[in-house]
Amino acid sequence: MKTGGRSKGAAKKDTKEALKPVDDRKIGKRKVAAKPSKPKAAKAKKDPNKPKRPPSAFFVFLEEFRKTFKKENPNVKAVSAVGKAGGEKWKSLGAAEKAPYEAKAAKKKAEYEKLMNAYNKKQESSADQGDEGSERSGSEVHDDDDDDESDHLLLCRMRRMRRMKSEICNTKIRLKADH
C-alpha cells in the first residue's frame, strides 16, 4: 500500500494542467479599466455634386475583363472570383498590353481634374458669398477701391486659415481614433 503522497495519475494530471494555456477568468486576473469612450466626431457629409474620382488603369481593364469573363464562365456568380481572375490576368500583362488601359485612365483623370477645378471654383464662390455676409454688416460703405482689395485679401487669408485649422483638427481627431 502506498502511504501519504499522490499517485502517478495525479502527478501526470498536474503537469498537464501546467502546460495548458492560462484562462484569465479562472485565475481572476484584473483586467485593465476601460477608458471612457469619447463620442466620435461626426463625419462630414459628402457633397452629391462633387465629381467622383476616376478609375485607375486596373479598374478600366477590369470593366472589359468582367464582360469577357462572364461570357466564358456563365456559371460563376461570385464577384470575388471575377476580381481574383482579373487581378491575376492584370499581373500577367506586359507594359505594352497595359498601355491602352493606362491611356484611358489618364484621359479620365484629366477630365476629372477639369471637373474638380470647376467644382472648387464654384465652392469658393459660394463660400465667398456666405462669408462676406457674416464678416461685414450690410450698412458698411467703402469708398476706396484699395480698401476693398485689401479687405478682400484679408478675408481670403482668414478663410484659408479657418480651412487649415479645421483640417488640422480633423487630422488630430483621426489620429486619436486610430490609437
C-alpha atoms as a PDB file:
ATOM      1  CA  MET A   1       0.000   0.000   0.000  1.00  0.00           C
ATOM      2  CA  LYS A   2       1.064   3.481  -0.702  1.00  0.00           C
ATOM      3  CA  THR A   3       1.189   5.852   2.153  1.00  0.00           C
ATOM      4  CA  GLY A   4       0.910   9.647   2.092  1.00  0.00           C
ATOM      5  CA  GLY A   5       1.532  11.288  -1.246  1.00  0.00           C
ATOM      6  CA  ARG A   6      -0.002  11.283  -4.627  1.00  0.00           C
ATOM      7  CA  SER A   7      -0.459   8.554  -7.134  1.00  0.00           C
ATOM      8  CA  LYS A   8       1.263   8.650 -10.519  1.00  0.00           C
ATOM      9  CA  GLY A   9      -2.020   9.530 -12.228  1.00  0.00           C
ATOM     10  CA  ALA A  10      -2.431  12.647 -10.099  1.00  0.00           C
ATOM     11  CA  ALA A  11       1.126  13.762 -10.888  1.00  0.00           C
ATOM     12  CA  LYS A  12       0.525  13.433 -14.634  1.00  0.00           C
ATOM     13  CA  LYS A  13      -2.681  15.418 -14.309  1.00  0.00           C
ATOM     14  CA  ASP A  14      -0.839  18.272 -12.554  1.00  0.00           C
ATOM     15  CA  THR A  15       1.783  18.508 -15.312  1.00  0.00           C
ATOM     16  CA  LYS A  16      -0.917  18.556 -17.984  1.00  0.00           C
ATOM     17  CA  GLU A  17      -2.683  21.360 -16.130  1.00  0.00           C
ATOM     18  CA  ALA A  18       0.573  23.346 -16.017  1.00  0.00           C
ATOM     19  CA  LEU A  19       1.018  23.037 -19.785  1.00  0.00           C
ATOM     20  CA  LYS A  20      -2.498  24.262 -20.638  1.00  0.00           C
ATOM     21  CA  PRO A  21      -2.926  27.896 -21.671  1.00  0.00           C
ATOM     22  CA  VAL A  22      -3.944  30.178 -18.837  1.00  0.00           C
ATOM     23  CA  ASP A  23      -7.540  31.361 -18.741  1.00  0.00           C
ATOM     24  CA  ASP A  24      -7.864  34.795 -17.100  1.00  0.00           C
ATOM     25  CA  ARG A  25     -11.352  34.073 -15.790  1.00  0.00           C
ATOM     26  CA  LYS A  26     -10.214  31.061 -13.761  1.00  0.00           C
ATOM     27  CA  ILE A  27      -7.216  32.772 -12.190  1.00  0.00           C
ATOM     28  CA  GLY A  28      -9.029  36.024 -11.514  1.00  0.00           C
ATOM     29  CA  LYS A  29      -6.586  38.474 -13.066  1.00  0.00           C
ATOM     30  CA  ARG A  30      -7.692  42.045 -13.041  1.00  0.00           C
ATOM     31  CA  LYS A  31      -8.420  43.498 -16.389  1.00  0.00           C
ATOM     32  CA  VAL A  32      -7.344  46.972 -17.418  1.00  0.00           C
ATOM     33  CA  ALA A  33     -10.053  49.504 -16.733  1.00  0.00           C
ATOM     34  CA  ALA A  34     -11.789  50.525 -19.917  1.00  0.00           C
ATOM     35  CA  LYS A  35     -11.218  54.093 -20.962  1.00  0.00           C
ATOM     36  CA  PRO A  36     -14.337  56.179 -21.131  1.00  0.00           C
ATOM     37  CA  SER A  37     -15.324  56.286 -24.763  1.00  0.00           C
ATOM     38  CA  LYS A  38     -15.495  59.676 -26.376  1.00  0.00           C
ATOM     39  CA  PRO A  39     -18.166  60.309 -28.925  1.00  0.00           C
ATOM     40  CA  LYS A  40     -16.728  60.046 -32.399  1.00  0.00           C
ATOM     41  CA  ALA A  41     -16.593  63.180 -34.474  1.00  0.00           C
ATOM     42  CA  ALA A  42     -19.406  63.295 -36.959  1.00  0.00           C
ATOM     43  CA  LYS A  43     -18.269  62.596 -40.494  1.00  0.00           C
ATOM     44  CA  ALA A  44     -18.574  65.470 -42.885  1.00  0.00           C
ATOM     45  CA  LYS A  45     -21.458  64.855 -45.213  1.00  0.00           C
ATOM     46  CA  LYS A  46     -20.432  64.069 -48.763  1.00  0.00           C
ATOM     47  CA  ASP A  47     -21.485  66.577 -51.367  1.00  0.00           C
ATOM     48  CA  PRO A  48     -23.541  64.794 -54.030  1.00  0.00           C
ATOM     49  CA  ASN A  49     -22.392  67.368 -56.603  1.00  0.00           C
ATOM     50  CA  LYS A  50     -18.710  66.576 -56.097  1.00  0.00           C
ATOM     51  CA  PRO A  51     -17.253  64.653 -59.071  1.00  0.00           C
ATOM     52  CA  LYS A  52     -16.383  61.007 -58.499  1.00  0.00           C
ATOM     53  CA  ARG A  53     -12.726  60.029 -58.599  1.00  0.00           C
ATOM     54  CA  PRO A  54     -11.635  58.416 -61.855  1.00  0.00           C
ATOM     55  CA  PRO A  55     -10.865  54.689 -62.021  1.00  0.00           C
ATOM     56  CA  SER A  56      -7.261  53.533 -62.159  1.00  0.00           C
ATOM     57  CA  ALA A  57      -5.879  51.669 -65.169  1.00  0.00           C
ATOM     58  CA  PHE A  58      -6.582  48.365 -63.412  1.00  0.00           C
ATOM     59  CA  PHE A  59     -10.264  49.193 -62.952  1.00  0.00           C
ATOM     60  CA  VAL A  60     -10.566  50.324 -66.569  1.00  0.00           C
ATOM     61  CA  PHE A  61      -9.118  46.930 -67.526  1.00  0.00           C
ATOM     62  CA  LEU A  62     -11.435  45.159 -65.083  1.00  0.00           C
ATOM     63  CA  GLU A  63     -14.538  46.687 -66.715  1.00  0.00           C
ATOM     64  CA  GLU A  64     -13.661  44.998 -70.013  1.00  0.00           C
ATOM     65  CA  PHE A  65     -12.341  41.826 -68.387  1.00  0.00           C
ATOM     66  CA  ARG A  66     -15.556  41.370 -66.409  1.00  0.00           C
ATOM     67  CA  LYS A  67     -17.602  41.212 -69.632  1.00  0.00           C
ATOM     68  CA  THR A  68     -15.373  38.579 -71.241  1.00  0.00           C
ATOM     69  CA  PHE A  69     -15.113  36.567 -68.013  1.00  0.00           C
ATOM     70  CA  LYS A  70     -18.915  36.440 -67.677  1.00  0.00           C
ATOM     71  CA  LYS A  71     -19.229  35.159 -71.263  1.00  0.00           C
ATOM     72  CA  GLU A  72     -16.589  32.470 -70.755  1.00  0.00           C
ATOM     73  CA  ASN A  73     -17.808  31.437 -67.274  1.00  0.00           C
ATOM     74  CA  PRO A  74     -21.587  31.960 -67.060  1.00  0.00           C
ATOM     75  CA  ASN A  75     -21.853  29.645 -64.025  1.00  0.00           C
ATOM     76  CA  VAL A  76     -19.534  31.742 -61.826  1.00  0.00           C
ATOM     77  CA  LYS A  77     -21.600  34.276 -59.881  1.00  0.00           C
ATOM     78  CA  ALA A  78     -19.113  35.291 -57.166  1.00  0.00           C
ATOM     79  CA  VAL A  79     -17.726  38.798 -57.519  1.00  0.00           C
ATOM     80  CA  SER A  80     -14.586  37.732 -55.688  1.00  0.00           C
ATOM     81  CA  ALA A  81     -13.843  35.104 -58.349  1.00  0.00           C
ATOM     82  CA  VAL A  82     -14.053  37.705 -61.111  1.00  0.00           C
ATOM     83  CA  GLY A  83     -11.815  40.078 -59.158  1.00  0.00           C
ATOM     84  CA  LYS A  84      -9.278  37.387 -58.399  1.00  0.00           C
ATOM     85  CA  ALA A  85      -9.114  36.229 -62.015  1.00  0.00           C
ATOM     86  CA  GLY A  86      -8.855  39.838 -63.179  1.00  0.00           C
ATOM     87  CA  GLY A  87      -6.004  40.540 -60.773  1.00  0.00           C
ATOM     88  CA  GLU A  88      -4.065  37.511 -61.951  1.00  0.00           C
ATOM     89  CA  LYS A  89      -4.607  38.452 -65.600  1.00  0.00           C
ATOM     90  CA  TRP A  90      -3.531  42.078 -64.913  1.00  0.00           C
ATOM     91  CA  LYS A  91      -0.307  40.901 -63.268  1.00  0.00           C
ATOM     92  CA  SER A  92       0.474  38.692 -66.257  1.00  0.00           C
ATOM     93  CA  LEU A  93       0.009  41.529 -68.786  1.00  0.00           C
ATOM     94  CA  GLY A  94       3.087  43.265 -70.114  1.00  0.00           C
ATOM     95  CA  ALA A  95       3.654  47.012 -70.225  1.00  0.00           C
ATOM     96  CA  ALA A  96       2.619  47.188 -73.896  1.00  0.00           C
ATOM     97  CA  GLU A  97      -0.643  45.391 -73.150  1.00  0.00           C
ATOM     98  CA  LYS A  98      -1.392  47.686 -70.203  1.00  0.00           C
ATOM     99  CA  ALA A  99      -0.704  50.865 -72.200  1.00  0.00           C
ATOM    100  CA  PRO A 100      -4.223  51.332 -73.701  1.00  0.00           C
ATOM    101  CA  TYR A 101      -5.817  50.979 -70.244  1.00  0.00           C
ATOM    102  CA  GLU A 102      -3.355  53.438 -68.745  1.00  0.00           C
ATOM    103  CA  ALA A 103      -4.105  55.895 -71.563  1.00  0.00           C
ATOM    104  CA  LYS A 104      -7.855  55.624 -70.912  1.00  0.00           C
ATOM    105  CA  ALA A 105      -7.262  56.113 -67.201  1.00  0.00           C
ATOM    106  CA  ALA A 106      -5.101  59.188 -67.867  1.00  0.00           C
ATOM    107  CA  LYS A 107      -7.840  60.635 -70.088  1.00  0.00           C
ATOM    108  CA  LYS A 108     -10.459  60.066 -67.383  1.00  0.00           C
ATOM    109  CA  LYS A 109      -8.145  61.615 -64.811  1.00  0.00           C
ATOM    110  CA  ALA A 110      -7.700  64.750 -66.940  1.00  0.00           C
ATOM    111  CA  GLU A 111     -11.486  65.077 -67.256  1.00  0.00           C
ATOM    112  CA  TYR A 112     -11.837  64.608 -63.508  1.00  0.00           C
ATOM    113  CA  GLU A 113      -9.282  67.351 -62.805  1.00  0.00           C
ATOM    114  CA  LYS A 114     -11.201  69.777 -65.042  1.00  0.00           C
ATOM    115  CA  LEU A 115     -14.436  68.930 -63.247  1.00  0.00           C
ATOM    116  CA  MET A 116     -12.761  69.311 -59.848  1.00  0.00           C
ATOM    117  CA  ASN A 117     -11.334  72.726 -60.766  1.00  0.00           C
ATOM    118  CA  ALA A 118     -14.786  73.891 -61.793  1.00  0.00           C
ATOM    119  CA  TYR A 119     -16.292  72.366 -58.641  1.00  0.00           C
ATOM    120  CA  ASN A 120     -13.693  74.025 -56.383  1.00  0.00           C
ATOM    121  CA  LYS A 121     -14.214  77.408 -58.022  1.00  0.00           C
ATOM    122  CA  LYS A 122     -17.940  77.044 -57.512  1.00  0.00           C
ATOM    123  CA  GLN A 123     -17.400  76.092 -53.845  1.00  0.00           C
ATOM    124  CA  GLU A 124     -15.096  79.066 -53.267  1.00  0.00           C
ATOM    125  CA  SER A 125     -17.511  81.493 -54.873  1.00  0.00           C
ATOM    126  CA  SER A 126     -20.388  80.207 -52.748  1.00  0.00           C
ATOM    127  CA  ALA A 127     -18.154  80.348 -49.645  1.00  0.00           C
ATOM    128  CA  ASP A 128     -17.163  83.913 -50.513  1.00  0.00           C
ATOM    129  CA  GLN A 129     -20.789  84.961 -50.674  1.00  0.00           C
ATOM    130  CA  GLY A 130     -21.631  83.260 -47.394  1.00  0.00           C
ATOM    131  CA  ASP A 131     -18.564  84.590 -45.527  1.00  0.00           C
ATOM    132  CA  GLU A 132     -18.895  88.169 -46.731  1.00  0.00           C
ATOM    133  CA  GLY A 133     -22.362  88.408 -45.267  1.00  0.00           C
ATOM    134  CA  SER A 134     -21.114  87.297 -41.870  1.00  0.00           C
ATOM    135  CA  GLU A 135     -17.891  89.338 -41.919  1.00  0.00           C
ATOM    136  CA  ARG A 136     -19.384  92.667 -42.909  1.00  0.00           C
ATOM    137  CA  SER A 137     -22.603  94.312 -41.995  1.00  0.00           C
ATOM    138  CA  GLY A 138     -24.779  95.499 -44.844  1.00  0.00           C
ATOM    139  CA  SER A 139     -24.651  99.076 -43.633  1.00  0.00           C
ATOM    140  CA  GLU A 140     -20.881  99.452 -44.111  1.00  0.00           C
ATOM    141  CA  VAL A 141     -19.928 101.501 -47.139  1.00  0.00           C
ATOM    142  CA  HIS A 142     -16.374 101.650 -48.563  1.00  0.00           C
ATOM    143  CA  ASP A 143     -15.486 104.494 -50.865  1.00  0.00           C
ATOM    144  CA  ASP A 144     -11.893 103.487 -51.668  1.00  0.00           C
ATOM    145  CA  ASP A 145     -11.192 100.635 -54.082  1.00  0.00           C
ATOM    146  CA  ASP A 146      -7.834  99.981 -52.381  1.00  0.00           C
ATOM    147  CA  ASP A 147      -9.590  99.261 -49.113  1.00  0.00           C
ATOM    148  CA  ASP A 148     -11.884  96.788 -50.876  1.00  0.00           C
ATOM    149  CA  GLU A 149      -8.935  94.915 -52.354  1.00  0.00           C
ATOM    150  CA  SER A 150      -7.050  94.756 -49.048  1.00  0.00           C
ATOM    151  CA  ASP A 151     -10.246  93.672 -47.255  1.00  0.00           C
ATOM    152  CA  HIS A 152     -10.801  91.010 -49.865  1.00  0.00           C
ATOM    153  CA  LEU A 153      -7.251  89.702 -49.476  1.00  0.00           C
ATOM    154  CA  LEU A 154      -7.614  89.715 -45.717  1.00  0.00           C
ATOM    155  CA  LEU A 155     -10.882  87.794 -45.934  1.00  0.00           C
ATOM    156  CA  CYS A 156      -9.308  85.233 -48.272  1.00  0.00           C
ATOM    157  CA  ARG A 157      -6.446  84.733 -45.847  1.00  0.00           C
ATOM    158  CA  MET A 158      -8.849  84.363 -42.935  1.00  0.00           C
ATOM    159  CA  ARG A 159     -10.881  81.752 -44.831  1.00  0.00           C
ATOM    160  CA  ARG A 160      -7.737  79.850 -45.748  1.00  0.00           C
ATOM    161  CA  MET A 161      -6.616  79.897 -42.101  1.00  0.00           C
ATOM    162  CA  ARG A 162     -10.025  78.593 -40.982  1.00  0.00           C
ATOM    163  CA  ARG A 163      -9.866  75.765 -43.521  1.00  0.00           C
ATOM    164  CA  MET A 164      -6.334  74.864 -42.449  1.00  0.00           C
ATOM    165  CA  LYS A 165      -7.337  74.912 -38.787  1.00  0.00           C
ATOM    166  CA  SER A 166     -10.305  72.629 -39.409  1.00  0.00           C
ATOM    167  CA  GLU A 167      -8.111  70.249 -41.446  1.00  0.00           C
ATOM    168  CA  ILE A 168      -5.588  70.098 -38.597  1.00  0.00           C
ATOM    169  CA  CYS A 169      -8.361  69.411 -36.083  1.00  0.00           C
ATOM    170  CA  ASN A 170      -9.814  66.685 -38.301  1.00  0.00           C
ATOM    171  CA  THR A 171      -6.383  65.103 -38.673  1.00  0.00           C
ATOM    172  CA  LYS A 172      -5.863  65.130 -34.903  1.00  0.00           C
ATOM    173  CA  ILE A 173      -9.265  63.517 -34.390  1.00  0.00           C
ATOM    174  CA  ARG A 174      -8.466  60.813 -36.957  1.00  0.00           C
ATOM    175  CA  LEU A 175      -5.098  60.133 -35.326  1.00  0.00           C
ATOM    176  CA  LYS A 176      -6.701  59.811 -31.896  1.00  0.00           C
ATOM    177  CA  ALA A 177      -9.330  57.462 -33.309  1.00  0.00           C
ATOM    178  CA  ASP A 178      -6.610  55.256 -34.836  1.00  0.00           C
ATOM    179  CA  HIS A 179      -4.911  54.798 -31.475  1.00  0.00           C
END
